[in-house]
Amino acid sequence: MTQNVRARIFISGRVQGVFFRQNTRKKVRELGITGWVKNLANGRVEVLMEGEKDKVENLIEWLRKGPIIARVDGIEVFWEEYKGEFNDFVIKYD
């Protein structure tokens, strides 16, 4: 039986203006993960996602590098209680 998990990730570096959110959404849709990604005012990117543990871990490893034109300097991962509240993965603009 697969375990569903929820993770909130903060990525820092050159991660805005380099199609980080769009490439994250593309990768996530390949994996079947749900949640969202958004830019933060402090220059970081935040990802909140839910899915099967191995797929979420796979995406976290991808986020450590990001798309080819990005430069990831740091990543913080916070594990939260799985809620099953998302139906899709979207880019948030708030």
PDB file of N, CA and C in Angstrom:
ATOM      1  N   MET A   1       0.836  -1.183   0.000  1.00  0.00           N
ATOM      2  CA  MET A   1       0.000   0.000   0.000  1.00  0.00           C
ATOM      3  C   MET A   1       0.882   1.249   0.000  1.00  0.00           C
ATOM      4  N   THR A   2       0.534   2.200  -0.857  1.00  0.00           N
ATOM      5  CA  THR A   2       1.325   3.424  -0.931  1.00  0.00           C
ATOM      6  C   THR A   2       0.878   4.413   0.141  1.00  0.00           C
ATOM      7  N   GLN A   3       1.837   5.149   0.635  1.00  0.00           N
ATOM      8  CA  GLN A   3       1.563   6.146   1.663  1.00  0.00           C
ATOM      9  C   GLN A   3       1.471   7.518   1.014  1.00  0.00           C
ATOM     10  N   ASN A   4       0.389   8.249   1.287  1.00  0.00           N
ATOM     11  CA  ASN A   4       0.252   9.615   0.809  1.00  0.00           C
ATOM     12  C   ASN A   4       0.841  10.571   1.823  1.00  0.00           C
ATOM     13  N   VAL A   5       1.547  11.591   1.317  1.00  0.00           N
ATOM     14  CA  VAL A   5       2.211  12.562   2.181  1.00  0.00           C
ATOM     15  C   VAL A   5       1.941  13.972   1.669  1.00  0.00           C
ATOM     16  N   ARG A   6       2.270  14.931   2.512  1.00  0.00           N
ATOM     17  CA  ARG A   6       2.133  16.346   2.172  1.00  0.00           C
ATOM     18  C   ARG A   6       3.438  17.033   2.551  1.00  0.00           C
ATOM     19  N   ALA A   7       3.959  17.859   1.648  1.00  0.00           N
ATOM     20  CA  ALA A   7       5.204  18.572   1.905  1.00  0.00           C
ATOM     21  C   ALA A   7       5.083  20.018   1.450  1.00  0.00           C
ATOM     22  N   ARG A   8       5.650  20.918   2.252  1.00  0.00           N
ATOM     23  CA  ARG A   8       5.757  22.336   1.899  1.00  0.00           C
ATOM     24  C   ARG A   8       7.243  22.617   1.716  1.00  0.00           C
ATOM     25  N   ILE A   9       7.594  23.154   0.555  1.00  0.00           N
ATOM     26  CA  ILE A   9       8.997  23.351   0.209  1.00  0.00           C
ATOM     27  C   ILE A   9       9.235  24.810  -0.143  1.00  0.00           C
ATOM     28  N   PHE A  10      10.350  25.350   0.347  1.00  0.00           N
ATOM     29  CA  PHE A  10      10.777  26.701   0.005  1.00  0.00           C
ATOM     30  C   PHE A  10      12.115  26.580  -0.720  1.00  0.00           C
ATOM     31  N   ILE A  11      12.189  27.168  -1.922  1.00  0.00           N
ATOM     32  CA  ILE A  11      13.388  27.079  -2.749  1.00  0.00           C
ATOM     33  C   ILE A  11      13.965  28.482  -2.909  1.00  0.00           C
ATOM     34  N   SER A  12      15.258  28.631  -2.669  1.00  0.00           N
ATOM     35  CA  SER A  12      15.910  29.935  -2.821  1.00  0.00           C
ATOM     36  C   SER A  12      17.018  29.838  -3.853  1.00  0.00           C
ATOM     37  N   GLY A  13      17.389  31.000  -4.386  1.00  0.00           N
ATOM     38  CA  GLY A  13      18.403  31.098  -5.426  1.00  0.00           C
ATOM     39  C   GLY A  13      17.859  31.927  -6.573  1.00  0.00           C
ATOM     40  N   ARG A  14      18.332  31.655  -7.777  1.00  0.00           N
ATOM     41  CA  ARG A  14      17.760  32.305  -8.964  1.00  0.00           C
ATOM     42  C   ARG A  14      16.604  31.419  -9.431  1.00  0.00           C
ATOM     43  N   VAL A  15      15.451  31.628  -8.795  1.00  0.00           N
ATOM     44  CA  VAL A  15      14.309  30.746  -9.027  1.00  0.00           C
ATOM     45  C   VAL A  15      13.069  31.499  -9.501  1.00  0.00           C
ATOM     46  N   GLN A  16      13.186  32.805  -9.674  1.00  0.00           N
ATOM     47  CA  GLN A  16      12.087  33.581 -10.246  1.00  0.00           C
ATOM     48  C   GLN A  16      12.556  34.170 -11.571  1.00  0.00           C
ATOM     49  N   GLY A  17      11.645  34.213 -12.541  1.00  0.00           N
ATOM     50  CA  GLY A  17      11.995  34.721 -13.861  1.00  0.00           C
ATOM     51  C   GLY A  17      12.757  33.723 -14.709  1.00  0.00           C
ATOM     52  N   VAL A  18      12.750  32.452 -14.305  1.00  0.00           N
ATOM     53  CA  VAL A  18      13.472  31.402 -15.042  1.00  0.00           C
ATOM     54  C   VAL A  18      12.550  30.210 -15.338  1.00  0.00           C
ATOM     55  N   PHE A  19      11.247  30.466 -15.362  1.00  0.00           N
ATOM     56  CA  PHE A  19      10.233  29.447 -15.651  1.00  0.00           C
ATOM     57  C   PHE A  19      10.225  28.307 -14.635  1.00  0.00           C
ATOM     58  N   PHE A  20      10.605  28.622 -13.399  1.00  0.00           N
ATOM     59  CA  PHE A  20      10.642  27.600 -12.351  1.00  0.00           C
ATOM     60  C   PHE A  20       9.258  27.041 -12.073  1.00  0.00           C
ATOM     61  N   ARG A  21       8.267  27.916 -11.933  1.00  0.00           N
ATOM     62  CA  ARG A  21       6.907  27.451 -11.620  1.00  0.00           C
ATOM     63  C   ARG A  21       6.332  26.609 -12.752  1.00  0.00           C
ATOM     64  N   GLN A  22       6.524  27.056 -13.992  1.00  0.00           N
ATOM     65  CA  GLN A  22       5.985  26.322 -15.132  1.00  0.00           C
ATOM     66  C   GLN A  22       6.627  24.945 -15.272  1.00  0.00           C
ATOM     67  N   ASN A  23       7.944  24.887 -15.091  1.00  0.00           N
ATOM     68  CA  ASN A  23       8.640  23.600 -15.183  1.00  0.00           C
ATOM     69  C   ASN A  23       8.288  22.685 -14.015  1.00  0.00           C
ATOM     70  N   THR A  24       8.060  23.269 -12.838  1.00  0.00           N
ATOM     71  CA  THR A  24       7.631  22.467 -11.695  1.00  0.00           C
ATOM     72  C   THR A  24       6.270  21.853 -11.989  1.00  0.00           C
ATOM     73  N   ARG A  25       5.338  22.654 -12.509  1.00  0.00           N
ATOM     74  CA  ARG A  25       4.008  22.131 -12.839  1.00  0.00           C
ATOM     75  C   ARG A  25       4.097  21.008 -13.877  1.00  0.00           C
ATOM     76  N   LYS A  26       4.954  21.165 -14.860  1.00  0.00           N
ATOM     77  CA  LYS A  26       5.124  20.123 -15.881  1.00  0.00           C
ATOM     78  C   LYS A  26       5.631  18.828 -15.246  1.00  0.00           C
ATOM     79  N   LYS A  27       6.635  18.927 -14.392  1.00  0.00           N
ATOM     80  CA  LYS A  27       7.201  17.748 -13.729  1.00  0.00           C
ATOM     81  C   LYS A  27       6.166  17.091 -12.821  1.00  0.00           C
ATOM     82  N   VAL A  28       5.434  17.915 -12.083  1.00  0.00           N
ATOM     83  CA  VAL A  28       4.422  17.414 -11.156  1.00  0.00           C
ATOM     84  C   VAL A  28       3.333  16.643 -11.893  1.00  0.00           C
ATOM     85  N   ARG A  29       2.911  17.165 -13.021  1.00  0.00           N
ATOM     86  CA  ARG A  29       1.853  16.497 -13.784  1.00  0.00           C
ATOM     87  C   ARG A  29       2.326  15.161 -14.330  1.00  0.00           C
ATOM     88  N   GLU A  30       3.604  15.029 -14.625  1.00  0.00           N
ATOM     89  CA  GLU A  30       4.170  13.735 -15.030  1.00  0.00           C
ATOM     90  C   GLU A  30       4.074  12.731 -13.884  1.00  0.00           C
ATOM     91  N   LEU A  31       4.224  13.227 -12.656  1.00  0.00           N
ATOM     92  CA  LEU A  31       4.258  12.359 -11.479  1.00  0.00           C
ATOM     93  C   LEU A  31       2.878  12.104 -10.871  1.00  0.00           C
ATOM     94  N   GLY A  32       1.888  12.937 -11.196  1.00  0.00           N
ATOM     95  CA  GLY A  32       0.561  12.767 -10.621  1.00  0.00           C
ATOM     96  C   GLY A  32       0.427  13.320  -9.211  1.00  0.00           C
ATOM     97  N   ILE A  33       1.151  14.389  -8.927  1.00  0.00           N
ATOM     98  CA  ILE A  33       1.104  15.046  -7.623  1.00  0.00           C
ATOM     99  C   ILE A  33       0.120  16.215  -7.710  1.00  0.00           C
ATOM    100  N   THR A  34      -0.497  16.568  -6.593  1.00  0.00           N
ATOM    101  CA  THR A  34      -1.416  17.704  -6.559  1.00  0.00           C
ATOM    102  C   THR A  34      -0.892  18.778  -5.612  1.00  0.00           C
ATOM    103  N   GLY A  35      -1.411  19.998  -5.778  1.00  0.00           N
ATOM    104  CA  GLY A  35      -1.024  21.100  -4.911  1.00  0.00           C
ATOM    105  C   GLY A  35      -0.849  22.376  -5.691  1.00  0.00           C
ATOM    106  N   TRP A  36       0.145  23.184  -5.301  1.00  0.00           N
ATOM    107  CA  TRP A  36       0.389  24.450  -5.988  1.00  0.00           C
ATOM    108  C   TRP A  36       1.834  24.907  -5.826  1.00  0.00           C
ATOM    109  N   VAL A  37       2.203  25.890  -6.655  1.00  0.00           N
ATOM    110  CA  VAL A  37       3.515  26.533  -6.608  1.00  0.00           C
ATOM    111  C   VAL A  37       3.294  28.027  -6.777  1.00  0.00           C
ATOM    112  N   LYS A  38       4.093  28.838  -6.072  1.00  0.00           N
ATOM    113  CA  LYS A  38       3.970  30.291  -6.234  1.00  0.00           C
ATOM    114  C   LYS A  38       5.286  30.981  -5.906  1.00  0.00           C
ATOM    115  N   ASN A  39       5.462  32.174  -6.494  1.00  0.00           N
ATOM    116  CA  ASN A  39       6.584  33.039  -6.160  1.00  0.00           C
ATOM    117  C   ASN A  39       6.277  33.761  -4.855  1.00  0.00           C
ATOM    118  N   LEU A  40       7.302  34.001  -4.069  1.00  0.00           N
ATOM    119  CA  LEU A  40       7.163  34.767  -2.838  1.00  0.00           C
ATOM    120  C   LEU A  40       7.834  36.129  -3.000  1.00  0.00           C
ATOM    121  N   ALA A  41       7.384  37.100  -2.234  1.00  0.00           N
ATOM    122  CA  ALA A  41       7.918  38.465  -2.321  1.00  0.00           C
ATOM    123  C   ALA A  41       9.408  38.525  -1.996  1.00  0.00           C
ATOM    124  N   ASN A  42       9.916  37.562  -1.218  1.00  0.00           N
ATOM    125  CA  ASN A  42      11.330  37.576  -0.832  1.00  0.00           C
ATOM    126  C   ASN A  42      12.245  36.905  -1.860  1.00  0.00           C
ATOM    127  N   GLY A  43      11.697  36.572  -3.035  1.00  0.00           N
ATOM    128  CA  GLY A  43      12.504  35.998  -4.105  1.00  0.00           C
ATOM    129  C   GLY A  43      12.540  34.484  -4.132  1.00  0.00           C
ATOM    130  N   ARG A  44      11.941  33.849  -3.137  1.00  0.00           N
ATOM    131  CA  ARG A  44      11.898  32.388  -3.114  1.00  0.00           C
ATOM    132  C   ARG A  44      10.658  31.872  -3.842  1.00  0.00           C
ATOM    133  N   VAL A  45      10.619  30.574  -4.052  1.00  0.00           N
ATOM    134  CA  VAL A  45       9.453  29.884  -4.587  1.00  0.00           C
ATOM    135  C   VAL A  45       8.962  28.926  -3.511  1.00  0.00           C
ATOM    136  N   GLU A  46       7.635  28.859  -3.343  1.00  0.00           N
ATOM    137  CA  GLU A  46       7.024  27.943  -2.387  1.00  0.00           C
ATOM    138  C   GLU A  46       6.211  26.903  -3.147  1.00  0.00           C
ATOM    139  N   VAL A  47       6.327  25.658  -2.721  1.00  0.00           N
ATOM    140  CA  VAL A  47       5.558  24.555  -3.288  1.00  0.00           C
ATOM    141  C   VAL A  47       4.844  23.847  -2.150  1.00  0.00           C
ATOM    142  N   LEU A  48       3.551  23.627  -2.304  1.00  0.00           N
ATOM    143  CA  LEU A  48       2.785  22.798  -1.368  1.00  0.00           C
ATOM    144  C   LEU A  48       2.210  21.665  -2.189  1.00  0.00           C
ATOM    145  N   MET A  49       2.566  20.431  -1.820  1.00  0.00           N
ATOM    146  CA  MET A  49       2.142  19.301  -2.651  1.00  0.00           C
ATOM    147  C   MET A  49       1.736  18.115  -1.811  1.00  0.00           C
ATOM    148  N   GLU A  50       0.875  17.295  -2.425  1.00  0.00           N
ATOM    149  CA  GLU A  50       0.434  16.041  -1.822  1.00  0.00           C
ATOM    150  C   GLU A  50       0.503  14.949  -2.878  1.00  0.00           C
ATOM    151  N   GLY A  51       0.803  13.755  -2.422  1.00  0.00           N
ATOM    152  CA  GLY A  51       0.854  12.620  -3.336  1.00  0.00           C
ATOM    153  C   GLY A  51       1.510  11.430  -2.680  1.00  0.00           C
ATOM    154  N   GLU A  52       1.751  10.413  -3.497  1.00  0.00           N
ATOM    155  CA  GLU A  52       2.420   9.220  -3.004  1.00  0.00           C
ATOM    156  C   GLU A  52       3.841   9.579  -2.579  1.00  0.00           C
ATOM    157  N   LYS A  53       4.274   9.017  -1.465  1.00  0.00           N
ATOM    158  CA  LYS A  53       5.557   9.388  -0.857  1.00  0.00           C
ATOM    159  C   LYS A  53       6.721   9.310  -1.838  1.00  0.00           C
ATOM    160  N   ASP A  54       6.828   8.241  -2.609  1.00  0.00           N
ATOM    161  CA  ASP A  54       7.963   8.103  -3.524  1.00  0.00           C
ATOM    162  C   ASP A  54       7.932   9.164  -4.617  1.00  0.00           C
ATOM    163  N   LYS A  55       6.742   9.540  -5.073  1.00  0.00           N
ATOM    164  CA  LYS A  55       6.627  10.572  -6.102  1.00  0.00           C
ATOM    165  C   LYS A  55       6.955  11.951  -5.539  1.00  0.00           C
ATOM    166  N   VAL A  56       6.518  12.236  -4.321  1.00  0.00           N
ATOM    167  CA  VAL A  56       6.835  13.505  -3.674  1.00  0.00           C
ATOM    168  C   VAL A  56       8.346  13.601  -3.451  1.00  0.00           C
ATOM    169  N   GLU A  57       8.958  12.532  -2.998  1.00  0.00           N
ATOM    170  CA  GLU A  57      10.410  12.528  -2.803  1.00  0.00           C
ATOM    171  C   GLU A  57      11.143  12.721  -4.123  1.00  0.00           C
ATOM    172  N   ASN A  58      10.610  12.137  -5.204  1.00  0.00           N
ATOM    173  CA  ASN A  58      11.189  12.310  -6.534  1.00  0.00           C
ATOM    174  C   ASN A  58      11.154  13.786  -6.929  1.00  0.00           C
ATOM    175  N   LEU A  59      10.030  14.446  -6.676  1.00  0.00           N
ATOM    176  CA  LEU A  59       9.932  15.868  -7.026  1.00  0.00           C
ATOM    177  C   LEU A  59      10.858  16.707  -6.159  1.00  0.00           C
ATOM    178  N   ILE A  60      10.994  16.380  -4.890  1.00  0.00           N
ATOM    179  CA  ILE A  60      11.898  17.131  -4.023  1.00  0.00           C
ATOM    180  C   ILE A  60      13.321  17.060  -4.569  1.00  0.00           C
ATOM    181  N   GLU A  61      13.730  15.896  -5.029  1.00  0.00           N
ATOM    182  CA  GLU A  61      15.071  15.768  -5.623  1.00  0.00           C
ATOM    183  C   GLU A  61      15.193  16.636  -6.869  1.00  0.00           C
ATOM    184  N   TRP A  62      14.145  16.681  -7.699  1.00  0.00           N
ATOM    185  CA  TRP A  62      14.164  17.533  -8.889  1.00  0.00           C
ATOM    186  C   TRP A  62      14.251  19.002  -8.482  1.00  0.00           C
ATOM    187  N   LEU A  63      13.519  19.397  -7.432  1.00  0.00           N
ATOM    188  CA  LEU A  63      13.520  20.787  -6.981  1.00  0.00           C
ATOM    189  C   LEU A  63      14.899  21.232  -6.491  1.00  0.00           C
ATOM    190  N   ARG A  64      15.732  20.314  -6.057  1.00  0.00           N
ATOM    191  CA  ARG A  64      17.082  20.660  -5.591  1.00  0.00           C
ATOM    192  C   ARG A  64      17.935  21.227  -6.729  1.00  0.00           C
ATOM    193  N   LYS A  65      17.560  20.925  -7.971  1.00  0.00           N
ATOM    194  CA  LYS A  65      18.270  21.443  -9.143  1.00  0.00           C
ATOM    195  C   LYS A  65      17.401  22.421  -9.919  1.00  0.00           C
ATOM    196  N   GLY A  66      16.123  22.087 -10.081  1.00  0.00           N
ATOM    197  CA  GLY A  66      15.200  22.933 -10.833  1.00  0.00           C
ATOM    198  C   GLY A  66      15.466  22.867 -12.327  1.00  0.00           C
ATOM    199  N   PRO A  67      14.814  23.753 -13.077  1.00  0.00           N
ATOM    200  CA  PRO A  67      15.037  23.782 -14.527  1.00  0.00           C
ATOM    201  C   PRO A  67      16.450  24.252 -14.852  1.00  0.00           C
ATOM    202  N   ILE A  68      16.871  23.995 -16.054  1.00  0.00           N
ATOM    203  CA  ILE A  68      18.271  24.211 -16.441  1.00  0.00           C
ATOM    204  C   ILE A  68      18.749  25.645 -16.250  1.00  0.00           C
ATOM    205  N   ILE A  69      17.879  26.643 -16.445  1.00  0.00           N
ATOM    206  CA  ILE A  69      18.334  28.027 -16.327  1.00  0.00           C
ATOM    207  C   ILE A  69      18.225  28.583 -14.904  1.00  0.00           C
ATOM    208  N   ALA A  70      17.721  27.792 -13.997  1.00  0.00           N
ATOM    209  CA  ALA A  70      17.623  28.216 -12.592  1.00  0.00           C
ATOM    210  C   ALA A  70      18.925  27.898 -11.858  1.00  0.00           C
ATOM    211  N   ARG A  71      19.084  28.538 -10.697  1.00  0.00           N
ATOM    212  CA  ARG A  71      20.195  28.207  -9.800  1.00  0.00           C
ATOM    213  C   ARG A  71      19.606  28.065  -8.399  1.00  0.00           C
ATOM    214  N   VAL A  72      19.550  26.848  -7.914  1.00  0.00           N
ATOM    215  CA  VAL A  72      18.996  26.595  -6.586  1.00  0.00           C
ATOM    216  C   VAL A  72      20.130  26.676  -5.571  1.00  0.00           C
ATOM    217  N   ASP A  73      19.992  27.606  -4.622  1.00  0.00           N
ATOM    218  CA  ASP A  73      20.994  27.770  -3.564  1.00  0.00           C
ATOM    219  C   ASP A  73      20.597  27.041  -2.286  1.00  0.00           C
ATOM    220  N   GLY A  74      19.292  26.869  -2.085  1.00  0.00           N
ATOM    221  CA  GLY A  74      18.839  26.212  -0.866  1.00  0.00           C
ATOM    222  C   GLY A  74      17.418  25.710  -1.010  1.00  0.00           C
ATOM    223  N   ILE A  75      17.111  24.692  -0.223  1.00  0.00           N
ATOM    224  CA  ILE A  75      15.771  24.131  -0.228  1.00  0.00           C
ATOM    225  C   ILE A  75      15.434  23.730   1.207  1.00  0.00           C
ATOM    226  N   GLU A  76      14.240  24.111   1.633  1.00  0.00           N
ATOM    227  CA  GLU A  76      13.748  23.728   2.957  1.00  0.00           C
ATOM    228  C   GLU A  76      12.494  22.888   2.749  1.00  0.00           C
ATOM    229  N   VAL A  77      12.436  21.741   3.408  1.00  0.00           N
ATOM    230  CA  VAL A  77      11.297  20.829   3.279  1.00  0.00           C
ATOM    231  C   VAL A  77      10.637  20.667   4.640  1.00  0.00           C
ATOM    232  N   PHE A  78       9.348  20.885   4.668  1.00  0.00           N
ATOM    233  CA  PHE A  78       8.562  20.714   5.886  1.00  0.00           C
ATOM    234  C   PHE A  78       7.465  19.700   5.604  1.00  0.00           C
ATOM    235  N   TRP A  79       7.459  18.609   6.350  1.00  0.00           N
ATOM    236  CA  TRP A  79       6.442  17.578   6.196  1.00  0.00           C
ATOM    237  C   TRP A  79       5.235  17.955   7.044  1.00  0.00           C
ATOM    238  N   GLU A  80       4.054  17.882   6.444  1.00  0.00           N
ATOM    239  CA  GLU A  80       2.817  18.237   7.123  1.00  0.00           C
ATOM    240  C   GLU A  80       1.858  17.048   7.063  1.00  0.00           C
ATOM    241  N   GLU A  81       0.764  17.163   7.783  1.00  0.00           N
ATOM    242  CA  GLU A  81      -0.244  16.109   7.779  1.00  0.00           C
ATOM    243  C   GLU A  81      -0.969  16.090   6.439  1.00  0.00           C
ATOM    244  N   TYR A  82      -1.066  14.919   5.830  1.00  0.00           N
ATOM    245  CA  TYR A  82      -1.766  14.761   4.556  1.00  0.00           C
ATOM    246  C   TYR A  82      -3.244  15.106   4.732  1.00  0.00           C
ATOM    247  N   LYS A  83      -3.786  15.925   3.817  1.00  0.00           N
ATOM    248  CA  LYS A  83      -5.182  16.343   3.905  1.00  0.00           C
ATOM    249  C   LYS A  83      -6.018  15.912   2.697  1.00  0.00           C
ATOM    250  N   GLY A  84      -5.384  15.632   1.564  1.00  0.00           N
ATOM    251  CA  GLY A  84      -6.127  15.236   0.376  1.00  0.00           C
ATOM    252  C   GLY A  84      -7.037  16.332  -0.154  1.00  0.00           C
ATOM    253  N   GLU A  85      -6.602  17.580  -0.061  1.00  0.00           N
ATOM    254  CA  GLU A  85      -7.476  18.693  -0.404  1.00  0.00           C
ATOM    255  C   GLU A  85      -7.357  19.205  -1.834  1.00  0.00           C
ATOM    256  N   PHE A  86      -6.428  18.699  -2.618  1.00  0.00           N
ATOM    257  CA  PHE A  86      -6.216  19.220  -3.971  1.00  0.00           C
ATOM    258  C   PHE A  86      -6.681  18.219  -5.029  1.00  0.00           C
ATOM    259  N   ASN A  87      -7.146  18.771  -6.172  1.00  0.00           N
ATOM    260  CA  ASN A  87      -7.552  17.937  -7.305  1.00  0.00           C
ATOM    261  C   ASN A  87      -6.572  18.036  -8.461  1.00  0.00           C
ATOM    262  N   ASP A  88      -5.725  19.058  -8.437  1.00  0.00           N
ATOM    263  CA  ASP A  88      -4.830  19.343  -9.554  1.00  0.00           C
ATOM    264  C   ASP A  88      -3.585  20.023  -8.980  1.00  0.00           C
ATOM    265  N   PHE A  89      -2.668  20.411  -9.852  1.00  0.00           N
ATOM    266  CA  PHE A  89      -1.517  21.192  -9.435  1.00  0.00           C
ATOM    267  C   PHE A  89      -1.550  22.478 -10.236  1.00  0.00           C
ATOM    268  N   VAL A  90      -1.538  23.621  -9.546  1.00  0.00           N
ATOM    269  CA  VAL A  90      -1.696  24.910 -10.213  1.00  0.00           C
ATOM    270  C   VAL A  90      -0.593  25.876  -9.815  1.00  0.00           C
ATOM    271  N   ILE A  91      -0.435  26.892 -10.647  1.00  0.00           N
ATOM    272  CA  ILE A  91       0.440  28.012 -10.329  1.00  0.00           C
ATOM    273  C   ILE A  91      -0.441  29.069  -9.676  1.00  0.00           C
ATOM    274  N   LYS A  92      -0.046  29.499  -8.471  1.00  0.00           N
ATOM    275  CA  LYS A  92      -0.795  30.546  -7.768  1.00  0.00           C
ATOM    276  C   LYS A  92      -0.117  31.883  -8.023  1.00  0.00           C
ATOM    277  N   TYR A  93      -0.949  32.911  -8.162  1.00  0.00           N
ATOM    278  CA  TYR A  93      -0.427  34.250  -8.451  1.00  0.00           C
ATOM    279  C   TYR A  93      -0.781  35.254  -7.367  1.00  0.00           C
ATOM    280  N   ASP A  94      -1.026  34.809  -6.137  1.00  0.00           N
ATOM    281  CA  ASP A  94      -1.408  35.745  -5.087  1.00  0.00           C
ATOM    282  C   ASP A  94      -0.225  36.238  -4.284  1.00  0.00           C
TER     283      ASP A  94
END
